[in-house]
Amino acid sequence: MTELNKIALKIISNGKGILAADESNGTMTKRLEAVNVNSTPENRLLFREILFSSKGMKDYIGGVILYDETINQTSSSGKSIPELISNSGAVPGIKVDTGAKNLANSPEEKITEGLDGLRDRLKIYYDLGARFTKWRGVYSIGEKYPSKLAMNCNAHALARYSALVQESGMVPIVEPEVLMDGNHSSEVCLKKTSEVIKKCFEELILHKVDLSGIILKPNMILAGNLSKNKISSEEISLKTLECLKDSVPNEVPGIAFLSGGQSEIEATENLNFINKNNNTNFIMTYSYGRALQQSALKVWSKDIKDSEVTQNIFNHRAEMCTLAAQGKWSIELENK
């Protein structure tokens, strides 16, 4: 077992999942303003620190993805944020891409940037305590999309990023997200997502990335958010498992799904069905942002000094996601 494989397994084993707290300042500002809280560095830190110091961290969270601002901040106890996370038993991680920009010659699509200077930035993040990283490629579904150009460019970037991250002693999360925006069917989502993931692994193998030292962060197979033909959680799980069995090499230790616009309950229920039906060797867990934080954020906004109520809501949500990562969740437990 390699050192990278050990880190990956520490993050995703025993039903533990990943808290994606890597919202950029722009995204976090939108989330805070939506609940009438001023988006200052202090308030952004306050909300995140409440989550990072909650009891649920120790029991349910194996890794936390941070944003550049947060990994450099100090908690109210005087500990650095990575130290606070490590003390709970979770592994600190860092988002290292610089965002999705319009793809030249296919402006309807996106390419993720951030490779320039990445090697030097990785050294800094390693020294700050990060042991895994995240890079997200985004793909739209449409009549002509995702194009071969978008699939090739994003897969190439994800592979170059992964090679640099492993060179620096960290585990790369490989996140090819096929967006749920549109009126496409689940069948179309299955076909396009399979193509995207296969192309990513082609490039990862070409770049000699150690597949036992990565975590894949894909979307679930869903009908588009505007589609009239929604499918059940059972069907979502079967289609998602079909996609991954067909597209992901066996050496990959685990898969941590993104919530991608699903509600908290949808993201939990769908993950639960995936684990009930999981007939692969892959660990199947979660790497959720909004689907772990949304309820906690709403409650926190009513009184930003009251950490206890916010932590209780977060602990419950994290517990439900971890039960789902073991196929043990139920609506009765949810509503207890």
Protein backbone atom coordinates (compact mmCIF):
# COMPACT_ATOMS: atom_id res chain seq x y z
CA MET A 1 0.00 0.00 0.00
CA THR A 2 1.49 3.33 -1.02
CA GLU A 3 1.47 6.45 1.15
CA LEU A 4 -1.00 8.10 -1.27
CA ASN A 5 -3.32 5.09 -1.13
CA LYS A 6 -3.23 5.26 2.70
CA ILE A 7 -4.23 8.94 2.65
CA ALA A 8 -7.06 8.28 0.17
CA LEU A 9 -8.41 5.43 2.31
CA LYS A 10 -8.15 7.49 5.51
CA ILE A 11 -10.38 10.14 3.90
CA ILE A 12 -13.13 7.84 2.59
CA SER A 13 -13.16 4.67 4.75
CA ASN A 14 -15.75 3.62 7.38
CA GLY A 15 -18.56 5.64 5.85
CA LYS A 16 -16.69 8.92 6.30
CA GLY A 17 -17.10 11.55 3.61
CA ILE A 18 -15.66 14.86 2.50
CA LEU A 19 -16.92 18.31 3.48
CA ALA A 20 -16.46 20.55 0.45
CA ALA A 21 -15.91 23.93 2.13
CA ASP A 22 -13.91 25.29 -0.81
CA GLU A 23 -16.38 27.87 -2.08
CA SER A 24 -14.55 30.82 -3.62
CA ASN A 25 -15.09 34.18 -1.93
CA GLY A 26 -17.51 35.09 -4.74
CA THR A 27 -19.62 31.97 -4.24
CA MET A 28 -19.51 32.26 -0.46
CA THR A 29 -20.60 35.89 -0.72
CA LYS A 30 -23.69 34.82 -2.72
CA ARG A 31 -24.52 32.14 -0.13
CA LEU A 32 -24.12 34.52 2.82
CA GLU A 33 -26.00 37.39 1.18
CA ALA A 34 -28.86 34.99 0.38
CA VAL A 35 -29.31 34.55 4.16
CA ASN A 36 -28.66 38.25 4.92
CA VAL A 37 -25.18 37.88 6.45
CA ASN A 38 -22.35 40.25 5.47
CA SER A 39 -19.62 38.40 3.59
CA THR A 40 -16.47 39.47 5.43
CA PRO A 41 -13.35 37.30 5.96
CA GLU A 42 -14.33 37.16 9.65
CA ASN A 43 -17.87 35.91 8.95
CA ARG A 44 -16.72 33.40 6.35
CA LEU A 45 -14.24 32.05 8.89
CA LEU A 46 -16.78 32.08 11.72
CA PHE A 47 -19.25 29.86 9.85
CA ARG A 48 -16.60 27.44 8.69
CA GLU A 49 -14.91 27.23 12.08
CA ILE A 50 -18.25 26.34 13.70
CA LEU A 51 -18.51 23.36 11.30
CA PHE A 52 -14.84 22.36 11.64
CA SER A 53 -15.04 22.26 15.44
CA SER A 54 -18.34 20.32 15.61
CA LYS A 55 -18.65 16.81 17.05
CA GLY A 56 -19.77 15.51 13.64
CA MET A 57 -16.31 16.15 12.22
CA LYS A 58 -14.74 13.43 14.38
CA ASP A 59 -17.44 10.86 13.67
CA TYR A 60 -18.36 11.43 10.04
CA ILE A 61 -15.90 13.62 8.12
CA GLY A 62 -12.68 12.14 6.68
CA GLY A 63 -11.50 15.19 4.75
CA VAL A 64 -12.26 18.90 4.29
CA ILE A 65 -11.60 20.78 1.05
CA LEU A 66 -10.55 24.36 1.79
CA TYR A 67 -10.23 27.52 -0.27
CA ASP A 68 -6.99 29.55 -0.38
CA GLU A 69 -8.35 32.21 2.03
CA THR A 70 -9.42 29.61 4.60
CA ILE A 71 -6.27 27.45 4.65
CA ASN A 72 -4.32 30.60 5.58
CA GLN A 73 -6.66 31.64 8.41
CA THR A 74 -6.27 31.08 12.15
CA SER A 75 -9.11 29.80 14.32
CA SER A 76 -10.38 31.61 17.41
CA SER A 77 -8.43 29.12 19.57
CA GLY A 78 -5.18 30.26 17.93
CA LYS A 79 -4.75 27.05 15.93
CA SER A 80 -4.38 27.21 12.17
CA ILE A 81 -7.43 25.94 10.25
CA PRO A 82 -5.55 22.85 8.91
CA GLU A 83 -4.51 22.07 12.51
CA LEU A 84 -8.11 22.39 13.73
CA ILE A 85 -9.21 19.93 11.01
CA SER A 86 -6.34 17.49 11.67
CA ASN A 87 -7.14 17.49 15.40
CA SER A 88 -10.62 16.15 14.61
CA GLY A 89 -9.03 13.22 12.76
CA ALA A 90 -9.92 14.55 9.29
CA VAL A 91 -7.43 15.32 6.52
CA PRO A 92 -7.10 18.96 5.33
CA GLY A 93 -7.37 19.46 1.55
CA ILE A 94 -7.26 22.40 -0.84
CA LYS A 95 -8.94 23.45 -4.07
CA VAL A 96 -6.13 24.31 -6.49
CA ASP A 97 -7.84 25.19 -9.77
CA THR A 98 -8.48 28.86 -10.53
CA GLY A 99 -11.95 28.37 -11.99
CA ALA A 100 -13.71 27.47 -15.22
CA LYS A 101 -13.35 29.92 -18.12
CA ASN A 102 -14.87 29.92 -21.62
CA LEU A 103 -13.18 27.36 -23.85
CA ALA A 104 -11.51 29.01 -26.86
CA ASN A 105 -13.31 28.05 -30.11
CA SER A 106 -16.21 26.55 -28.15
CA PRO A 107 -17.38 29.47 -25.98
CA GLU A 108 -20.56 27.65 -24.81
CA GLU A 109 -18.25 25.24 -22.94
CA LYS A 110 -15.74 25.62 -20.12
CA ILE A 111 -12.08 24.77 -19.52
CA THR A 112 -10.65 24.84 -16.00
CA GLU A 113 -7.51 26.92 -15.56
CA GLY A 114 -4.77 26.96 -12.92
CA LEU A 115 -1.89 24.80 -14.19
CA ASP A 116 0.56 27.70 -14.47
CA GLY A 117 2.61 27.95 -11.29
CA LEU A 118 0.78 24.97 -9.78
CA ARG A 119 3.92 23.06 -8.75
CA ASP A 120 5.09 25.97 -6.58
CA ARG A 121 1.63 26.53 -5.07
CA LEU A 122 1.40 22.84 -4.16
CA LYS A 123 4.61 23.08 -2.14
CA ILE A 124 3.14 25.99 -0.17
CA TYR A 125 -0.14 24.12 0.48
CA TYR A 126 1.73 20.99 1.57
CA ASP A 127 3.71 23.06 4.07
CA LEU A 128 0.44 24.55 5.37
CA GLY A 129 -0.81 21.02 6.10
CA ALA A 130 -2.84 19.99 3.04
CA ARG A 131 -2.60 16.30 2.07
CA PHE A 132 -5.14 16.20 -0.74
CA THR A 133 -6.34 18.59 -3.44
CA LYS A 134 -9.29 19.22 -5.73
CA TRP A 135 -9.64 20.27 -9.39
CA ARG A 136 -13.03 20.44 -11.07
CA GLY A 137 -13.71 20.10 -14.79
CA VAL A 138 -17.25 21.08 -15.87
CA TYR A 139 -19.15 19.76 -18.87
CA SER A 140 -22.52 20.85 -20.24
CA ILE A 141 -24.96 18.46 -21.86
CA GLY A 142 -26.57 19.69 -25.09
CA GLU A 143 -27.15 18.51 -28.64
CA LYS A 144 -23.49 19.13 -29.50
CA TYR A 145 -22.09 19.02 -25.97
CA PRO A 146 -19.88 18.01 -24.38
CA SER A 147 -17.77 18.30 -27.52
CA LYS A 148 -14.66 16.18 -28.13
CA LEU A 149 -12.67 19.39 -27.68
CA ALA A 150 -14.08 20.01 -24.17
CA MET A 151 -13.67 16.37 -23.17
CA ASN A 152 -10.05 16.22 -24.38
CA CYS A 153 -8.99 19.59 -22.92
CA ASN A 154 -10.49 19.01 -19.48
CA ALA A 155 -9.24 15.42 -19.25
CA HIS A 156 -5.73 16.60 -20.18
CA ALA A 157 -5.85 19.35 -17.52
CA LEU A 158 -7.14 16.93 -14.85
CA ALA A 159 -4.32 14.49 -15.67
CA ARG A 160 -1.56 17.13 -15.62
CA TYR A 161 -2.92 18.45 -12.32
CA SER A 162 -3.05 14.92 -10.84
CA ALA A 163 0.54 14.13 -11.84
CA LEU A 164 1.81 17.35 -10.22
CA VAL A 165 -0.22 16.74 -7.05
CA GLN A 166 1.08 13.20 -6.61
CA GLU A 167 4.62 14.44 -7.24
CA SER A 168 4.12 16.81 -4.28
CA GLY A 169 3.00 13.96 -1.97
CA MET A 170 -0.74 14.70 -2.00
CA VAL A 171 -3.84 12.85 -3.22
CA PRO A 172 -5.69 14.45 -6.15
CA ILE A 173 -9.48 14.47 -6.21
CA VAL A 174 -10.37 14.14 -9.89
CA GLU A 175 -13.72 15.88 -10.42
CA PRO A 176 -15.25 15.67 -13.90
CA GLU A 177 -18.72 17.17 -13.33
CA VAL A 178 -21.33 16.69 -16.03
CA LEU A 179 -23.84 19.37 -15.10
CA MET A 180 -27.51 18.57 -14.51
CA ASP A 181 -28.65 21.79 -16.26
CA GLY A 182 -30.97 21.02 -19.17
CA ASN A 183 -33.90 18.86 -20.22
CA HIS A 184 -31.87 15.77 -21.18
CA SER A 185 -32.89 12.25 -20.11
CA SER A 186 -31.01 10.08 -17.64
CA GLU A 187 -30.01 7.87 -20.60
CA VAL A 188 -28.24 10.82 -22.24
CA CYS A 189 -26.57 11.68 -18.91
CA LEU A 190 -25.37 8.06 -18.63
CA LYS A 191 -23.89 8.08 -22.14
CA LYS A 192 -22.17 11.47 -21.83
CA THR A 193 -20.85 10.89 -18.29
CA SER A 194 -19.39 7.52 -19.34
CA GLU A 195 -17.58 9.18 -22.27
CA VAL A 196 -16.23 11.95 -20.03
CA ILE A 197 -14.94 9.58 -17.31
CA LYS A 198 -13.36 7.17 -19.81
CA LYS A 199 -11.49 10.04 -21.47
CA CYS A 200 -10.25 11.23 -18.04
CA PHE A 201 -8.80 7.81 -17.22
CA GLU A 202 -7.19 7.55 -20.65
CA GLU A 203 -5.30 10.76 -19.89
CA LEU A 204 -4.53 9.84 -16.26
CA ILE A 205 -2.96 6.57 -17.44
CA LEU A 206 -1.03 8.40 -20.19
CA HIS A 207 0.35 10.78 -17.53
CA LYS A 208 1.43 7.78 -15.36
CA VAL A 209 -0.82 8.83 -12.47
CA ASP A 210 -1.00 6.21 -9.69
CA LEU A 211 -4.70 5.34 -9.79
CA SER A 212 -4.57 3.78 -6.30
CA GLY A 213 -3.71 7.26 -4.97
CA ILE A 214 -6.62 9.30 -6.34
CA ILE A 215 -10.28 9.83 -5.40
CA LEU A 216 -12.82 10.21 -8.21
CA LYS A 217 -15.54 12.84 -7.63
CA PRO A 218 -18.21 12.36 -10.32
CA ASN A 219 -21.84 13.34 -10.70
CA MET A 220 -24.61 10.80 -10.18
CA ILE A 221 -26.60 9.77 -13.26
CA LEU A 222 -29.70 11.97 -13.18
CA ALA A 223 -32.18 13.37 -15.67
CA GLY A 224 -31.64 17.08 -16.39
CA ASN A 225 -33.15 19.57 -13.93
CA LEU A 226 -35.65 20.69 -16.63
CA SER A 227 -36.53 17.16 -17.77
CA LYS A 228 -40.11 15.94 -17.30
CA ASN A 229 -38.85 12.33 -17.10
CA LYS A 230 -37.33 12.17 -13.62
CA ILE A 231 -36.24 8.72 -12.44
CA SER A 232 -36.44 7.08 -9.00
CA SER A 233 -33.54 6.78 -6.55
CA GLU A 234 -33.40 3.06 -7.33
CA GLU A 235 -32.95 3.80 -11.06
CA ILE A 236 -30.44 6.57 -10.34
CA SER A 237 -28.36 4.10 -8.32
CA LEU A 238 -28.44 1.37 -10.98
CA LYS A 239 -27.52 3.75 -13.81
CA THR A 240 -24.76 5.36 -11.72
CA LEU A 241 -23.28 1.96 -10.84
CA GLU A 242 -23.49 0.85 -14.48
CA CYS A 243 -21.59 3.98 -15.54
CA LEU A 244 -18.83 3.56 -12.95
CA LYS A 245 -18.35 -0.19 -13.42
CA ASP A 246 -17.93 0.43 -17.11
CA SER A 247 -15.66 3.50 -16.87
CA VAL A 248 -13.48 3.36 -13.74
CA PRO A 249 -10.38 1.11 -13.44
CA ASN A 250 -10.33 -1.27 -10.46
CA GLU A 251 -7.21 0.29 -8.89
CA VAL A 252 -9.17 3.42 -7.90
CA PRO A 253 -9.88 3.08 -4.14
CA GLY A 254 -13.04 5.08 -3.98
CA ILE A 255 -15.62 7.42 -5.37
CA ALA A 256 -16.93 10.49 -3.52
CA PHE A 257 -20.00 11.87 -5.27
CA LEU A 258 -20.72 15.55 -5.69
CA SER A 259 -24.25 16.69 -4.85
CA GLY A 260 -24.46 18.90 -7.96
CA GLY A 261 -27.63 20.86 -7.25
CA GLN A 262 -29.55 18.06 -5.51
CA SER A 263 -31.34 18.90 -2.27
CA GLU A 264 -29.90 17.59 1.00
CA ILE A 265 -32.44 14.76 1.15
CA GLU A 266 -32.08 13.80 -2.54
CA ALA A 267 -28.28 13.65 -2.27
CA THR A 268 -28.58 11.47 0.85
CA GLU A 269 -31.29 9.14 -0.46
CA ASN A 270 -29.58 8.61 -3.81
CA LEU A 271 -26.24 7.82 -2.15
CA ASN A 272 -28.02 5.35 0.14
CA PHE A 273 -29.51 3.45 -2.82
CA ILE A 274 -26.11 3.43 -4.59
CA ASN A 275 -24.61 1.74 -1.51
CA LYS A 276 -27.50 -0.70 -1.08
CA ASN A 277 -26.96 -1.82 -4.69
CA ASN A 278 -23.17 -1.47 -4.76
CA ASN A 279 -21.74 -4.65 -6.30
CA THR A 280 -18.29 -3.17 -7.00
CA ASN A 281 -15.09 -3.04 -4.94
CA PHE A 282 -15.21 0.76 -4.87
CA ILE A 283 -15.93 2.65 -1.66
CA MET A 284 -18.89 4.92 -2.50
CA THR A 285 -19.17 8.01 -0.31
CA TYR A 286 -19.89 11.74 -0.50
CA SER A 287 -18.05 14.98 -1.12
CA TYR A 288 -20.83 17.48 -0.52
CA GLY A 289 -20.86 21.25 -0.19
CA ARG A 290 -24.37 22.64 -0.15
CA ALA A 291 -25.91 19.23 0.67
CA LEU A 292 -23.97 19.25 3.98
CA GLN A 293 -24.13 22.95 4.80
CA GLN A 294 -27.36 24.50 3.56
CA SER A 295 -29.59 23.85 6.60
CA ALA A 296 -26.76 24.73 8.99
CA LEU A 297 -26.16 28.01 7.13
CA LYS A 298 -29.85 28.99 7.33
CA VAL A 299 -30.00 28.36 11.08
CA TRP A 300 -26.64 30.07 11.70
CA SER A 301 -27.79 33.22 9.86
CA LYS A 302 -30.51 33.80 12.48
CA ASP A 303 -27.85 34.19 15.22
CA ILE A 304 -24.25 33.95 14.01
CA LYS A 305 -22.94 33.77 17.60
CA ASP A 306 -25.00 30.66 18.46
CA SER A 307 -22.70 27.86 17.40
CA GLU A 308 -24.48 25.04 19.25
CA VAL A 309 -27.69 25.01 17.19
CA THR A 310 -25.71 25.27 13.94
CA GLN A 311 -23.46 22.39 14.98
CA ASN A 312 -26.44 20.21 15.90
CA ILE A 313 -27.92 20.70 12.42
CA PHE A 314 -24.57 20.00 10.74
CA ASN A 315 -23.93 16.91 12.91
CA HIS A 316 -27.31 15.48 11.92
CA ARG A 317 -26.72 16.11 8.23
CA ALA A 318 -23.22 14.58 8.34
CA GLU A 319 -24.55 11.55 10.24
CA MET A 320 -27.30 11.01 7.63
CA CYS A 321 -24.76 11.20 4.78
CA THR A 322 -22.46 8.71 6.55
CA LEU A 323 -25.38 6.31 7.09
CA ALA A 324 -26.13 6.64 3.35
CA ALA A 325 -22.46 5.90 2.57
CA GLN A 326 -23.03 2.57 4.36
CA GLY A 327 -26.46 1.90 2.85
CA LYS A 328 -28.06 2.29 6.30
CA TRP A 329 -30.04 5.53 5.91
CA SER A 330 -33.83 5.71 6.14
CA ILE A 331 -36.43 8.48 6.13
CA GLU A 332 -37.39 7.43 9.71
CA LEU A 333 -33.82 8.08 10.92
CA GLU A 334 -33.81 11.35 8.97
CA ASN A 335 -36.88 12.62 10.80
CA LYS A 336 -35.97 11.40 14.30
